[in-house]
Amino acid sequence: MNIITLIAGGALSLFLAVFIIRLFYTIVINMVNGQKFHNALEQEFSKLRLNRMLAALGINKTDYIYQTSVKDIHQQMKNCSDCTNTNECDEKLARPDIDVTEIEFCNNEADLKEIKRHQSESAHE
């Protein structure tokens, strides 16, 4: 081997090592930022009746937050905030469990039915 081959091989090895370290660092930072984002979303979400509605319907909140798109969650949170049926919602939520067929008053009825159906199917697999 001549000196040029050794220098080129060393440079490529160094480049590969830097690339792998940088890739690992980026992945870890993205995971940490994703976790922070989902925790903040969960805290914001917990202030709404939608949080209690998920619990009453037996929908796993963690699965909901991680499997539903952020855009859909924000839309459902907005629907819940803008709701004018709060009295009926509070009456239903006063009971320990609600059947998904009893939420016709809810602005998120269709989405909640779909989420419940999807989680029920996933549990049976």
PDB file of N, CA and C in Angstrom:
ATOM      1  N   MET A   1       0.840  -1.184   0.000  1.00  0.00           N
ATOM      2  CA  MET A   1       0.000   0.000   0.000  1.00  0.00           C
ATOM      3  C   MET A   1       0.879   1.239   0.000  1.00  0.00           C
ATOM      4  N   ASN A   2       0.445   2.195  -0.694  1.00  0.00           N
ATOM      5  CA  ASN A   2       1.215   3.431  -0.702  1.00  0.00           C
ATOM      6  C   ASN A   2       0.577   4.436   0.253  1.00  0.00           C
ATOM      7  N   ILE A   3       1.204   5.516   0.441  1.00  0.00           N
ATOM      8  CA  ILE A   3       0.789   6.532   1.416  1.00  0.00           C
ATOM      9  C   ILE A   3      -0.548   7.180   1.048  1.00  0.00           C
ATOM     10  N   ILE A   4      -0.814   7.354  -0.236  1.00  0.00           N
ATOM     11  CA  ILE A   4      -2.074   7.981  -0.671  1.00  0.00           C
ATOM     12  C   ILE A   4      -3.255   7.086  -0.314  1.00  0.00           C
ATOM     13  N   THR A   5      -3.111   5.787  -0.472  1.00  0.00           N
ATOM     14  CA  THR A   5      -4.180   4.841  -0.117  1.00  0.00           C
ATOM     15  C   THR A   5      -4.447   4.884   1.384  1.00  0.00           C
ATOM     16  N   LEU A   6      -3.397   4.935   2.179  1.00  0.00           N
ATOM     17  CA  LEU A   6      -3.565   5.001   3.640  1.00  0.00           C
ATOM     18  C   LEU A   6      -4.262   6.301   4.063  1.00  0.00           C
ATOM     19  N   ILE A   7      -3.877   7.407   3.461  1.00  0.00           N
ATOM     20  CA  ILE A   7      -4.498   8.690   3.798  1.00  0.00           C
ATOM     21  C   ILE A   7      -5.973   8.694   3.376  1.00  0.00           C
ATOM     22  N   ALA A   8      -6.258   8.233   2.182  1.00  0.00           N
ATOM     23  CA  ALA A   8      -7.649   8.185   1.706  1.00  0.00           C
ATOM     24  C   ALA A   8      -8.482   7.242   2.570  1.00  0.00           C
ATOM     25  N   GLY A   9      -7.942   6.075   2.896  1.00  0.00           N
ATOM     26  CA  GLY A   9      -8.661   5.123   3.754  1.00  0.00           C
ATOM     27  C   GLY A   9      -8.911   5.685   5.143  1.00  0.00           C
ATOM     28  N   GLY A  10      -7.909   6.368   5.696  1.00  0.00           N
ATOM     29  CA  GLY A  10      -8.055   6.995   7.006  1.00  0.00           C
ATOM     30  C   GLY A  10      -9.099   8.098   6.990  1.00  0.00           C
ATOM     31  N   ALA A  11      -9.082   8.904   5.936  1.00  0.00           N
ATOM     32  CA  ALA A  11     -10.057   9.995   5.812  1.00  0.00           C
ATOM     33  C   ALA A  11     -11.474   9.438   5.680  1.00  0.00           C
ATOM     34  N   LEU A  12     -11.639   8.410   4.866  1.00  0.00           N
ATOM     35  CA  LEU A  12     -12.958   7.787   4.726  1.00  0.00           C
ATOM     36  C   LEU A  12     -13.430   7.160   6.033  1.00  0.00           C
ATOM     37  N   SER A  13     -12.528   6.519   6.755  1.00  0.00           N
ATOM     38  CA  SER A  13     -12.891   5.930   8.050  1.00  0.00           C
ATOM     39  C   SER A  13     -13.298   7.006   9.047  1.00  0.00           C
ATOM     40  N   LEU A  14     -12.550   8.097   9.065  1.00  0.00           N
ATOM     41  CA  LEU A  14     -12.887   9.213   9.952  1.00  0.00           C
ATOM     42  C   LEU A  14     -14.236   9.821   9.570  1.00  0.00           C
ATOM     43  N   PHE A  15     -14.463  10.007   8.263  1.00  0.00           N
ATOM     44  CA  PHE A  15     -15.740  10.540   7.781  1.00  0.00           C
ATOM     45  C   PHE A  15     -16.890   9.625   8.201  1.00  0.00           C
ATOM     46  N   LEU A  16     -16.715   8.316   8.052  1.00  0.00           N
ATOM     47  CA  LEU A  16     -17.747   7.354   8.430  1.00  0.00           C
ATOM     48  C   LEU A  16     -18.021   7.400   9.932  1.00  0.00           C
ATOM     49  N   ALA A  17     -16.984   7.503  10.737  1.00  0.00           N
ATOM     50  CA  ALA A  17     -17.152   7.566  12.189  1.00  0.00           C
ATOM     51  C   ALA A  17     -17.913   8.829  12.588  1.00  0.00           C
ATOM     52  N   VAL A  18     -17.554   9.971  11.989  1.00  0.00           N
ATOM     53  CA  VAL A  18     -18.242  11.233  12.291  1.00  0.00           C
ATOM     54  C   VAL A  18     -19.704  11.142  11.857  1.00  0.00           C
ATOM     55  N   PHE A  19     -19.947  10.567  10.694  1.00  0.00           N
ATOM     56  CA  PHE A  19     -21.312  10.413  10.194  1.00  0.00           C
ATOM     57  C   PHE A  19     -22.156   9.565  11.148  1.00  0.00           C
ATOM     58  N   ILE A  20     -21.620   8.446  11.612  1.00  0.00           N
ATOM     59  CA  ILE A  20     -22.368   7.551  12.515  1.00  0.00           C
ATOM     60  C   ILE A  20     -22.651   8.242  13.841  1.00  0.00           C
ATOM     61  N   ILE A  21     -21.682   8.942  14.380  1.00  0.00           N
ATOM     62  CA  ILE A  21     -21.889   9.658  15.650  1.00  0.00           C
ATOM     63  C   ILE A  21     -22.936  10.753  15.476  1.00  0.00           C
ATOM     64  N   ARG A  22     -22.845  11.496  14.387  1.00  0.00           N
ATOM     65  CA  ARG A  22     -23.812  12.568  14.123  1.00  0.00           C
ATOM     66  C   ARG A  22     -25.216  12.014  13.914  1.00  0.00           C
ATOM     67  N   LEU A  23     -25.340  10.899  13.208  1.00  0.00           N
ATOM     68  CA  LEU A  23     -26.637  10.253  12.994  1.00  0.00           C
ATOM     69  C   LEU A  23     -27.242   9.802  14.319  1.00  0.00           C
ATOM     70  N   PHE A  24     -26.451   9.162  15.157  1.00  0.00           N
ATOM     71  CA  PHE A  24     -26.925   8.714  16.468  1.00  0.00           C
ATOM     72  C   PHE A  24     -27.387   9.906  17.304  1.00  0.00           C
ATOM     73  N   TYR A  25     -26.602  10.982  17.308  1.00  0.00           N
ATOM     74  CA  TYR A  25     -26.955  12.188  18.059  1.00  0.00           C
ATOM     75  C   TYR A  25     -28.287  12.769  17.568  1.00  0.00           C
ATOM     76  N   THR A  26     -28.467  12.858  16.264  1.00  0.00           N
ATOM     77  CA  THR A  26     -29.696  13.400  15.681  1.00  0.00           C
ATOM     78  C   THR A  26     -30.905  12.549  16.056  1.00  0.00           C
ATOM     79  N   ILE A  27     -30.754  11.242  16.004  1.00  0.00           N
ATOM     80  CA  ILE A  27     -31.853  10.348  16.371  1.00  0.00           C
ATOM     81  C   ILE A  27     -32.245  10.536  17.834  1.00  0.00           C
ATOM     82  N   VAL A  28     -31.266  10.606  18.711  1.00  0.00           N
ATOM     83  CA  VAL A  28     -31.547  10.777  20.144  1.00  0.00           C
ATOM     84  C   VAL A  28     -32.237  12.121  20.402  1.00  0.00           C
ATOM     85  N   ILE A  29     -31.746  13.189  19.789  1.00  0.00           N
ATOM     86  CA  ILE A  29     -32.344  14.514  19.970  1.00  0.00           C
ATOM     87  C   ILE A  29     -33.788  14.522  19.467  1.00  0.00           C
ATOM     88  N   ASN A  30     -34.045  13.896  18.315  1.00  0.00           N
ATOM     89  CA  ASN A  30     -35.408  13.830  17.781  1.00  0.00           C
ATOM     90  C   ASN A  30     -36.331  13.042  18.704  1.00  0.00           C
ATOM     91  N   MET A  31     -35.842  11.977  19.290  1.00  0.00           N
ATOM     92  CA  MET A  31     -36.667  11.198  20.223  1.00  0.00           C
ATOM     93  C   MET A  31     -36.996  12.014  21.465  1.00  0.00           C
ATOM     94  N   VAL A  32     -36.030  12.725  21.993  1.00  0.00           N
ATOM     95  CA  VAL A  32     -36.253  13.557  23.182  1.00  0.00           C
ATOM     96  C   VAL A  32     -37.251  14.670  22.866  1.00  0.00           C
ATOM     97  N   ASN A  33     -37.071  15.340  21.728  1.00  0.00           N
ATOM     98  CA  ASN A  33     -37.994  16.412  21.346  1.00  0.00           C
ATOM     99  C   ASN A  33     -39.405  15.875  21.094  1.00  0.00           C
ATOM    100  N   GLY A  34     -39.522  14.707  20.483  1.00  0.00           N
ATOM    101  CA  GLY A  34     -40.831  14.086  20.261  1.00  0.00           C
ATOM    102  C   GLY A  34     -41.528  13.779  21.571  1.00  0.00           C
ATOM    103  N   GLN A  35     -40.771  13.259  22.533  1.00  0.00           N
ATOM    104  CA  GLN A  35     -41.338  12.948  23.848  1.00  0.00           C
ATOM    105  C   GLN A  35     -41.819  14.222  24.545  1.00  0.00           C
ATOM    106  N   LYS A  36     -41.030  15.283  24.472  1.00  0.00           N
ATOM    107  CA  LYS A  36     -41.433  16.558  25.075  1.00  0.00           C
ATOM    108  C   LYS A  36     -42.704  17.091  24.414  1.00  0.00           C
ATOM    109  N   PHE A  37     -42.764  16.992  23.087  1.00  0.00           N
ATOM    110  CA  PHE A  37     -43.929  17.469  22.353  1.00  0.00           C
ATOM    111  C   PHE A  37     -45.177  16.698  22.769  1.00  0.00           C
ATOM    112  N   HIS A  38     -45.083  15.371  22.832  1.00  0.00           N
ATOM    113  CA  HIS A  38     -46.244  14.567  23.202  1.00  0.00           C
ATOM    114  C   HIS A  38     -46.651  14.806  24.656  1.00  0.00           C
ATOM    115  N   ASN A  39     -45.682  15.028  25.533  1.00  0.00           N
ATOM    116  CA  ASN A  39     -46.027  15.341  26.929  1.00  0.00           C
ATOM    117  C   ASN A  39     -46.763  16.676  27.025  1.00  0.00           C
ATOM    118  N   ALA A  40     -46.313  17.682  26.272  1.00  0.00           N
ATOM    119  CA  ALA A  40     -46.990  18.978  26.268  1.00  0.00           C
ATOM    120  C   ALA A  40     -48.395  18.847  25.686  1.00  0.00           C
ATOM    121  N   LEU A  41     -48.530  18.062  24.631  1.00  0.00           N
ATOM    122  CA  LEU A  41     -49.842  17.832  24.028  1.00  0.00           C
ATOM    123  C   LEU A  41     -50.769  17.131  25.015  1.00  0.00           C
ATOM    124  N   GLU A  42     -50.238  16.170  25.742  1.00  0.00           N
ATOM    125  CA  GLU A  42     -51.047  15.449  26.724  1.00  0.00           C
ATOM    126  C   GLU A  42     -51.496  16.363  27.857  1.00  0.00           C
ATOM    127  N   GLN A  43     -50.639  17.267  28.305  1.00  0.00           N
ATOM    128  CA  GLN A  43     -51.035  18.209  29.354  1.00  0.00           C
ATOM    129  C   GLN A  43     -52.130  19.151  28.865  1.00  0.00           C
ATOM    130  N   GLU A  44     -51.991  19.649  27.657  1.00  0.00           N
ATOM    131  CA  GLU A  44     -53.010  20.522  27.076  1.00  0.00           C
ATOM    132  C   GLU A  44     -54.325  19.762  26.911  1.00  0.00           C
ATOM    133  N   PHE A  45     -54.211  18.546  26.478  1.00  0.00           N
ATOM    134  CA  PHE A  45     -55.350  17.679  26.234  1.00  0.00           C
ATOM    135  C   PHE A  45     -56.097  17.356  27.535  1.00  0.00           C
ATOM    136  N   SER A  46     -55.360  17.183  28.620  1.00  0.00           N
ATOM    137  CA  SER A  46     -55.943  16.790  29.905  1.00  0.00           C
ATOM    138  C   SER A  46     -56.880  17.841  30.493  1.00  0.00           C
ATOM    139  N   LYS A  47     -56.828  19.066  30.002  1.00  0.00           N
ATOM    140  CA  LYS A  47     -57.673  20.138  30.529  1.00  0.00           C
ATOM    141  C   LYS A  47     -59.084  20.116  29.943  1.00  0.00           C
ATOM    142  N   LEU A  48     -59.315  19.294  28.927  1.00  0.00           N
ATOM    143  CA  LEU A  48     -60.599  19.300  28.225  1.00  0.00           C
ATOM    144  C   LEU A  48     -61.486  18.132  28.641  1.00  0.00           C
ATOM    145  N   ARG A  49     -62.779  18.262  28.368  1.00  0.00           N
ATOM    146  CA  ARG A  49     -63.726  17.175  28.598  1.00  0.00           C
ATOM    147  C   ARG A  49     -63.386  15.967  27.724  1.00  0.00           C
ATOM    148  N   LEU A  50     -62.738  16.211  26.602  1.00  0.00           N
ATOM    149  CA  LEU A  50     -62.362  15.134  25.692  1.00  0.00           C
ATOM    150  C   LEU A  50     -61.512  14.091  26.406  1.00  0.00           C
ATOM    151  N   ASN A  51     -60.675  14.521  27.314  1.00  0.00           N
ATOM    152  CA  ASN A  51     -59.853  13.608  28.101  1.00  0.00           C
ATOM    153  C   ASN A  51     -60.735  12.667  28.921  1.00  0.00           C
ATOM    154  N   ARG A  52     -61.727  13.225  29.596  1.00  0.00           N
ATOM    155  CA  ARG A  52     -62.639  12.400  30.404  1.00  0.00           C
ATOM    156  C   ARG A  52     -63.516  11.536  29.512  1.00  0.00           C
ATOM    157  N   MET A  53     -63.888  12.035  28.331  1.00  0.00           N
ATOM    158  CA  MET A  53     -64.714  11.270  27.401  1.00  0.00           C
ATOM    159  C   MET A  53     -63.953  10.020  26.934  1.00  0.00           C
ATOM    160  N   LEU A  54     -62.673  10.172  26.636  1.00  0.00           N
ATOM    161  CA  LEU A  54     -61.876   9.007  26.229  1.00  0.00           C
ATOM    162  C   LEU A  54     -61.854   7.961  27.338  1.00  0.00           C
ATOM    163  N   ALA A  55     -61.650   8.411  28.563  1.00  0.00           N
ATOM    164  CA  ALA A  55     -61.619   7.483  29.696  1.00  0.00           C
ATOM    165  C   ALA A  55     -62.964   6.791  29.870  1.00  0.00           C
ATOM    166  N   ALA A  56     -64.045   7.545  29.758  1.00  0.00           N
ATOM    167  CA  ALA A  56     -65.386   6.976  29.935  1.00  0.00           C
ATOM    168  C   ALA A  56     -65.704   5.960  28.838  1.00  0.00           C
ATOM    169  N   LEU A  57     -65.178   6.192  27.635  1.00  0.00           N
ATOM    170  CA  LEU A  57     -65.421   5.265  26.526  1.00  0.00           C
ATOM    171  C   LEU A  57     -64.452   4.083  26.536  1.00  0.00           C
ATOM    172  N   GLY A  58     -63.485   4.128  27.444  1.00  0.00           N
ATOM    173  CA  GLY A  58     -62.513   3.041  27.527  1.00  0.00           C
ATOM    174  C   GLY A  58     -61.436   3.124  26.461  1.00  0.00           C
ATOM    175  N   ILE A  59     -61.192   4.322  25.954  1.00  0.00           N
ATOM    176  CA  ILE A  59     -60.154   4.521  24.942  1.00  0.00           C
ATOM    177  C   ILE A  59     -58.849   4.856  25.654  1.00  0.00           C
ATOM    178  N   ASN A  60     -57.805   4.128  25.338  1.00  0.00           N
ATOM    179  CA  ASN A  60     -56.500   4.343  25.947  1.00  0.00           C
ATOM    180  C   ASN A  60     -55.939   5.686  25.476  1.00  0.00           C
ATOM    181  N   LYS A  61     -55.725   6.599  26.419  1.00  0.00           N
ATOM    182  CA  LYS A  61     -55.298   7.953  26.078  1.00  0.00           C
ATOM    183  C   LYS A  61     -53.894   7.972  25.479  1.00  0.00           C
ATOM    184  N   THR A  62     -52.997   7.167  25.998  1.00  0.00           N
ATOM    185  CA  THR A  62     -51.632   7.138  25.468  1.00  0.00           C
ATOM    186  C   THR A  62     -51.621   6.643  24.029  1.00  0.00           C
ATOM    187  N   ASP A  63     -52.356   5.564  23.768  1.00  0.00           N
ATOM    188  CA  ASP A  63     -52.453   5.069  22.387  1.00  0.00           C
ATOM    189  C   ASP A  63     -53.070   6.124  21.486  1.00  0.00           C
ATOM    190  N   TYR A  64     -54.097   6.783  21.995  1.00  0.00           N
ATOM    191  CA  TYR A  64     -54.773   7.831  21.222  1.00  0.00           C
ATOM    192  C   TYR A  64     -53.785   8.925  20.828  1.00  0.00           C
ATOM    193  N   ILE A  65     -53.002   9.395  21.777  1.00  0.00           N
ATOM    194  CA  ILE A  65     -52.085  10.503  21.519  1.00  0.00           C
ATOM    195  C   ILE A  65     -50.968  10.098  20.568  1.00  0.00           C
ATOM    196  N   TYR A  66     -50.474   8.873  20.690  1.00  0.00           N
ATOM    197  CA  TYR A  66     -49.362   8.455  19.845  1.00  0.00           C
ATOM    198  C   TYR A  66     -49.797   7.904  18.487  1.00  0.00           C
ATOM    199  N   GLN A  67     -51.052   7.469  18.351  1.00  0.00           N
ATOM    200  CA  GLN A  67     -51.488   6.863  17.090  1.00  0.00           C
ATOM    201  C   GLN A  67     -52.363   7.782  16.243  1.00  0.00           C
ATOM    202  N   THR A  68     -52.843   8.862  16.817  1.00  0.00           N
ATOM    203  CA  THR A  68     -53.681   9.812  16.081  1.00  0.00           C
ATOM    204  C   THR A  68     -52.795  10.962  15.621  1.00  0.00           C
ATOM    205  N   SER A  69     -53.032  11.451  14.424  1.00  0.00           N
ATOM    206  CA  SER A  69     -52.202  12.553  13.926  1.00  0.00           C
ATOM    207  C   SER A  69     -52.418  13.793  14.786  1.00  0.00           C
ATOM    208  N   VAL A  70     -51.372  14.562  14.912  1.00  0.00           N
ATOM    209  CA  VAL A  70     -51.433  15.783  15.723  1.00  0.00           C
ATOM    210  C   VAL A  70     -52.489  16.734  15.164  1.00  0.00           C
ATOM    211  N   LYS A  71     -52.592  16.799  13.852  1.00  0.00           N
ATOM    212  CA  LYS A  71     -53.600  17.655  13.222  1.00  0.00           C
ATOM    213  C   LYS A  71     -55.006  17.233  13.660  1.00  0.00           C
ATOM    214  N   ASP A  72     -55.275  15.924  13.661  1.00  0.00           N
ATOM    215  CA  ASP A  72     -56.587  15.427  14.085  1.00  0.00           C
ATOM    216  C   ASP A  72     -56.831  15.695  15.569  1.00  0.00           C
ATOM    217  N   ILE A  73     -55.810  15.514  16.386  1.00  0.00           N
ATOM    218  CA  ILE A  73     -55.965  15.770  17.829  1.00  0.00           C
ATOM    219  C   ILE A  73     -56.293  17.240  18.062  1.00  0.00           C
ATOM    220  N   HIS A  74     -55.558  18.124  17.394  1.00  0.00           N
ATOM    221  CA  HIS A  74     -55.841  19.562  17.560  1.00  0.00           C
ATOM    222  C   HIS A  74     -57.257  19.904  17.093  1.00  0.00           C
ATOM    223  N   GLN A  75     -57.697  19.294  16.012  1.00  0.00           N
ATOM    224  CA  GLN A  75     -59.061  19.548  15.520  1.00  0.00           C
ATOM    225  C   GLN A  75     -60.088  19.050  16.531  1.00  0.00           C
ATOM    226  N   GLN A  76     -59.864  17.868  17.102  1.00  0.00           N
ATOM    227  CA  GLN A  76     -60.787  17.320  18.089  1.00  0.00           C
ATOM    228  C   GLN A  76     -60.777  18.151  19.365  1.00  0.00           C
ATOM    229  N   MET A  77     -59.613  18.673  19.739  1.00  0.00           N
ATOM    230  CA  MET A  77     -59.542  19.539  20.906  1.00  0.00           C
ATOM    231  C   MET A  77     -60.308  20.843  20.643  1.00  0.00           C
ATOM    232  N   LYS A  78     -60.178  21.375  19.438  1.00  0.00           N
ATOM    233  CA  LYS A  78     -60.910  22.586  19.071  1.00  0.00           C
ATOM    234  C   LYS A  78     -62.412  22.313  19.081  1.00  0.00           C
ATOM    235  N   ASN A  79     -62.822  21.167  18.509  1.00  0.00           N
ATOM    236  CA  ASN A  79     -64.239  20.793  18.521  1.00  0.00           C
ATOM    237  C   ASN A  79     -64.766  20.737  19.948  1.00  0.00           C
ATOM    238  N   CYS A  80     -63.970  20.172  20.834  1.00  0.00           N
ATOM    239  CA  CYS A  80     -64.384  20.051  22.236  1.00  0.00           C
ATOM    240  C   CYS A  80     -64.466  21.440  22.892  1.00  0.00           C
ATOM    241  N   SER A  81     -63.498  22.279  22.639  1.00  0.00           N
ATOM    242  CA  SER A  81     -63.496  23.628  23.225  1.00  0.00           C
ATOM    243  C   SER A  81     -64.663  24.466  22.733  1.00  0.00           C
ATOM    244  N   ASP A  82     -65.036  24.279  21.462  1.00  0.00           N
ATOM    245  CA  ASP A  82     -66.112  25.065  20.865  1.00  0.00           C
ATOM    246  C   ASP A  82     -67.499  24.486  21.124  1.00  0.00           C
ATOM    247  N   CYS A  83     -67.583  23.400  21.841  1.00  0.00           N
ATOM    248  CA  CYS A  83     -68.840  22.688  22.030  1.00  0.00           C
ATOM    249  C   CYS A  83     -69.865  23.523  22.809  1.00  0.00           C
ATOM    250  N   THR A  84     -71.116  23.406  22.383  1.00  0.00           N
ATOM    251  CA  THR A  84     -72.206  24.092  23.082  1.00  0.00           C
ATOM    252  C   THR A  84     -73.066  23.096  23.875  1.00  0.00           C
ATOM    253  N   ASN A  85     -72.688  21.830  23.849  1.00  0.00           N
ATOM    254  CA  ASN A  85     -73.452  20.787  24.547  1.00  0.00           C
ATOM    255  C   ASN A  85     -72.782  20.374  25.859  1.00  0.00           C
ATOM    256  N   THR A  86     -72.200  21.317  26.554  1.00  0.00           N
ATOM    257  CA  THR A  86     -71.420  20.978  27.740  1.00  0.00           C
ATOM    258  C   THR A  86     -72.279  20.397  28.871  1.00  0.00           C
ATOM    259  N   ASN A  87     -73.504  20.868  29.010  1.00  0.00           N
ATOM    260  CA  ASN A  87     -74.360  20.323  30.074  1.00  0.00           C
ATOM    261  C   ASN A  87     -74.648  18.846  29.842  1.00  0.00           C
ATOM    262  N   GLU A  88     -75.016  18.501  28.626  1.00  0.00           N
ATOM    263  CA  GLU A  88     -75.292  17.100  28.311  1.00  0.00           C
ATOM    264  C   GLU A  88     -74.021  16.259  28.438  1.00  0.00           C
ATOM    265  N   CYS A  89     -72.916  16.822  28.010  1.00  0.00           N
ATOM    266  CA  CYS A  89     -71.635  16.122  28.121  1.00  0.00           C
ATOM    267  C   CYS A  89     -71.308  15.857  29.592  1.00  0.00           C
ATOM    268  N   ASP A  90     -71.459  16.865  30.436  1.00  0.00           N
ATOM    269  CA  ASP A  90     -71.177  16.699  31.866  1.00  0.00           C
ATOM    270  C   ASP A  90     -72.090  15.652  32.500  1.00  0.00           C
ATOM    271  N   GLU A  91     -73.351  15.623  32.084  1.00  0.00           N
ATOM    272  CA  GLU A  91     -74.275  14.611  32.604  1.00  0.00           C
ATOM    273  C   GLU A  91     -73.802  13.207  32.237  1.00  0.00           C
ATOM    274  N   LYS A  92     -73.410  13.023  30.977  1.00  0.00           N
ATOM    275  CA  LYS A  92     -72.930  11.706  30.530  1.00  0.00           C
ATOM    276  C   LYS A  92     -71.624  11.343  31.223  1.00  0.00           C
ATOM    277  N   LEU A  93     -70.748  12.319  31.378  1.00  0.00           N
ATOM    278  CA  LEU A  93     -69.454  12.054  32.001  1.00  0.00           C
ATOM    279  C   LEU A  93     -69.551  11.802  33.501  1.00  0.00           C
ATOM    280  N   ALA A  94     -70.681  12.141  34.102  1.00  0.00           N
ATOM    281  CA  ALA A  94     -70.870  11.883  35.525  1.00  0.00           C
ATOM    282  C   ALA A  94     -70.997  10.385  35.794  1.00  0.00           C
ATOM    283  N   ARG A  95     -71.373   9.639  34.752  1.00  0.00           N
ATOM    284  CA  ARG A  95     -71.462   8.182  34.883  1.00  0.00           C
ATOM    285  C   ARG A  95     -70.077   7.576  34.650  1.00  0.00           C
ATOM    286  N   PRO A  96     -69.804   6.428  35.252  1.00  0.00           N
ATOM    287  CA  PRO A  96     -68.461   5.848  35.146  1.00  0.00           C
ATOM    288  C   PRO A  96     -68.075   5.369  33.743  1.00  0.00           C
ATOM    289  N   ASP A  97     -69.049   4.881  32.989  1.00  0.00           N
ATOM    290  CA  ASP A  97     -68.730   4.462  31.628  1.00  0.00           C
ATOM    291  C   ASP A  97     -69.891   4.802  30.707  1.00  0.00           C
ATOM    292  N   ILE A  98     -69.542   5.116  29.495  1.00  0.00           N
ATOM    293  CA  ILE A  98     -70.528   5.536  28.505  1.00  0.00           C
ATOM    294  C   ILE A  98     -70.395   4.602  27.315  1.00  0.00           C
ATOM    295  N   ASP A  99     -71.510   4.227  26.746  1.00  0.00           N
ATOM    296  CA  ASP A  99     -71.466   3.454  25.514  1.00  0.00           C
ATOM    297  C   ASP A  99     -71.245   4.424  24.359  1.00  0.00           C
ATOM    298  N   VAL A 100     -70.472   4.004  23.394  1.00  0.00           N
ATOM    299  CA  VAL A 100     -70.140   4.864  22.267  1.00  0.00           C
ATOM    300  C   VAL A 100     -71.382   5.275  21.467  1.00  0.00           C
ATOM    301  N   THR A 101     -72.464   4.533  21.618  1.00  0.00           N
ATOM    302  CA  THR A 101     -73.709   4.883  20.911  1.00  0.00           C
ATOM    303  C   THR A 101     -74.470   6.010  21.605  1.00  0.00           C
ATOM    304  N   GLU A 102     -74.033   6.415  22.796  1.00  0.00           N
ATOM    305  CA  GLU A 102     -74.733   7.428  23.575  1.00  0.00           C
ATOM    306  C   GLU A 102     -74.110   8.818  23.467  1.00  0.00           C
ATOM    307  N   ILE A 103     -73.243   9.037  22.497  1.00  0.00           N
ATOM    308  CA  ILE A 103     -72.550  10.328  22.431  1.00  0.00           C
ATOM    309  C   ILE A 103     -72.932  11.129  21.186  1.00  0.00           C
ATOM    310  N   GLU A 104     -74.166  10.994  20.759  1.00  0.00           N
ATOM    311  CA  GLU A 104     -74.624  11.699  19.560  1.00  0.00           C
ATOM    312  C   GLU A 104     -74.540  13.217  19.701  1.00  0.00           C
ATOM    313  N   PHE A 105     -74.486  13.727  20.904  1.00  0.00           N
ATOM    314  CA  PHE A 105     -74.386  15.161  21.173  1.00  0.00           C
ATOM    315  C   PHE A 105     -72.967  15.699  20.964  1.00  0.00           C
ATOM    316  N   CYS A 106     -71.990  14.812  20.914  1.00  0.00           N
ATOM    317  CA  CYS A 106     -70.571  15.191  20.908  1.00  0.00           C
ATOM    318  C   CYS A 106     -70.111  15.629  19.520  1.00  0.00           C
ATOM    319  N   ASN A 107     -69.368  16.720  19.474  1.00  0.00           N
ATOM    320  CA  ASN A 107     -68.813  17.211  18.214  1.00  0.00           C
ATOM    321  C   ASN A 107     -67.788  16.240  17.622  1.00  0.00           C
ATOM    322  N   ASN A 108     -67.239  15.363  18.447  1.00  0.00           N
ATOM    323  CA  ASN A 108     -66.234  14.407  18.000  1.00  0.00           C
ATOM    324  C   ASN A 108     -66.791  12.989  17.886  1.00  0.00           C
ATOM    325  N   GLU A 109     -68.087  12.871  17.778  1.00  0.00           N
ATOM    326  CA  GLU A 109     -68.730  11.552  17.791  1.00  0.00           C
ATOM    327  C   GLU A 109     -68.133  10.605  16.750  1.00  0.00           C
ATOM    328  N   ALA A 110     -68.059  11.021  15.509  1.00  0.00           N
ATOM    329  CA  ALA A 110     -67.577  10.135  14.440  1.00  0.00           C
ATOM    330  C   ALA A 110     -66.127   9.714  14.691  1.00  0.00           C
ATOM    331  N   ASP A 111     -65.291  10.652  15.091  1.00  0.00           N
ATOM    332  CA  ASP A 111     -63.885  10.334  15.356  1.00  0.00           C
ATOM    333  C   ASP A 111     -63.751   9.381  16.537  1.00  0.00           C
ATOM    334  N   LEU A 112     -64.513   9.635  17.598  1.00  0.00           N
ATOM    335  CA  LEU A 112     -64.428   8.783  18.784  1.00  0.00           C
ATOM    336  C   LEU A 112     -64.914   7.367  18.481  1.00  0.00           C
ATOM    337  N   LYS A 113     -65.955   7.245  17.692  1.00  0.00           N
ATOM    338  CA  LYS A 113     -66.445   5.916  17.309  1.00  0.00           C
ATOM    339  C   LYS A 113     -65.372   5.166  16.511  1.00  0.00           C
ATOM    340  N   GLU A 114     -64.718   5.867  15.605  1.00  0.00           N
ATOM    341  CA  GLU A 114     -63.676   5.245  14.787  1.00  0.00           C
ATOM    342  C   GLU A 114     -62.476   4.833  15.644  1.00  0.00           C
ATOM    343  N   ILE A 115     -62.070   5.693  16.566  1.00  0.00           N
ATOM    344  CA  ILE A 115     -60.945   5.383  17.455  1.00  0.00           C
ATOM    345  C   ILE A 115     -61.285   4.191  18.333  1.00  0.00           C
ATOM    346  N   LYS A 116     -62.489   4.171  18.883  1.00  0.00           N
ATOM    347  CA  LYS A 116     -62.928   3.055  19.720  1.00  0.00           C
ATOM    348  C   LYS A 116     -62.935   1.755  18.915  1.00  0.00           C
ATOM    349  N   ARG A 117     -63.458   1.803  17.696  1.00  0.00           N
ATOM    350  CA  ARG A 117     -63.497   0.620  16.840  1.00  0.00           C
ATOM    351  C   ARG A 117     -62.067   0.144  16.532  1.00  0.00           C
ATOM    352  N   HIS A 118     -61.194   1.080  16.214  1.00  0.00           N
ATOM    353  CA  HIS A 118     -59.822   0.723  15.878  1.00  0.00           C
ATOM    354  C   HIS A 118     -59.101   0.104  17.080  1.00  0.00           C
ATOM    355  N   GLN A 119     -59.268   0.692  18.267  1.00  0.00           N
ATOM    356  CA  GLN A 119     -58.606   0.139  19.454  1.00  0.00           C
ATOM    357  C   GLN A 119     -59.194  -1.211  19.827  1.00  0.00           C
ATOM    358  N   SER A 120     -60.491  -1.408  19.630  1.00  0.00           N
ATOM    359  CA  SER A 120     -61.121  -2.706  19.915  1.00  0.00           C
ATOM    360  C   SER A 120     -60.571  -3.776  18.967  1.00  0.00           C
ATOM    361  N   GLU A 121     -60.420  -3.425  17.693  1.00  0.00           N
ATOM    362  CA  GLU A 121     -59.864  -4.376  16.719  1.00  0.00           C
ATOM    363  C   GLU A 121     -58.419  -4.712  17.052  1.00  0.00           C
ATOM    364  N   SER A 122     -57.647  -3.715  17.465  1.00  0.00           N
ATOM    365  CA  SER A 122     -56.237  -3.941  17.805  1.00  0.00           C
ATOM    366  C   SER A 122     -56.111  -4.839  19.037  1.00  0.00           C
ATOM    367  N   ALA A 123     -57.040  -4.704  19.965  1.00  0.00           N
ATOM    368  CA  ALA A 123     -56.992  -5.523  21.180  1.00  0.00           C
ATOM    369  C   ALA A 123     -57.310  -6.985  20.891  1.00  0.00           C
ATOM    370  N   HIS A 124     -58.095  -7.229  19.852  1.00  0.00           N
ATOM    371  CA  HIS A 124     -58.483  -8.599  19.532  1.00  0.00           C
ATOM    372  C   HIS A 124     -57.451  -9.324  18.677  1.00  0.00           C
ATOM    373  N   GLU A 125     -56.459  -8.619  18.158  1.00  0.00           N
ATOM    374  CA  GLU A 125     -55.450  -9.247  17.311  1.00  0.00           C
ATOM    375  C   GLU A 125     -54.423  -9.976  18.087  1.00  0.00           C
TER     376      GLU A 125
END
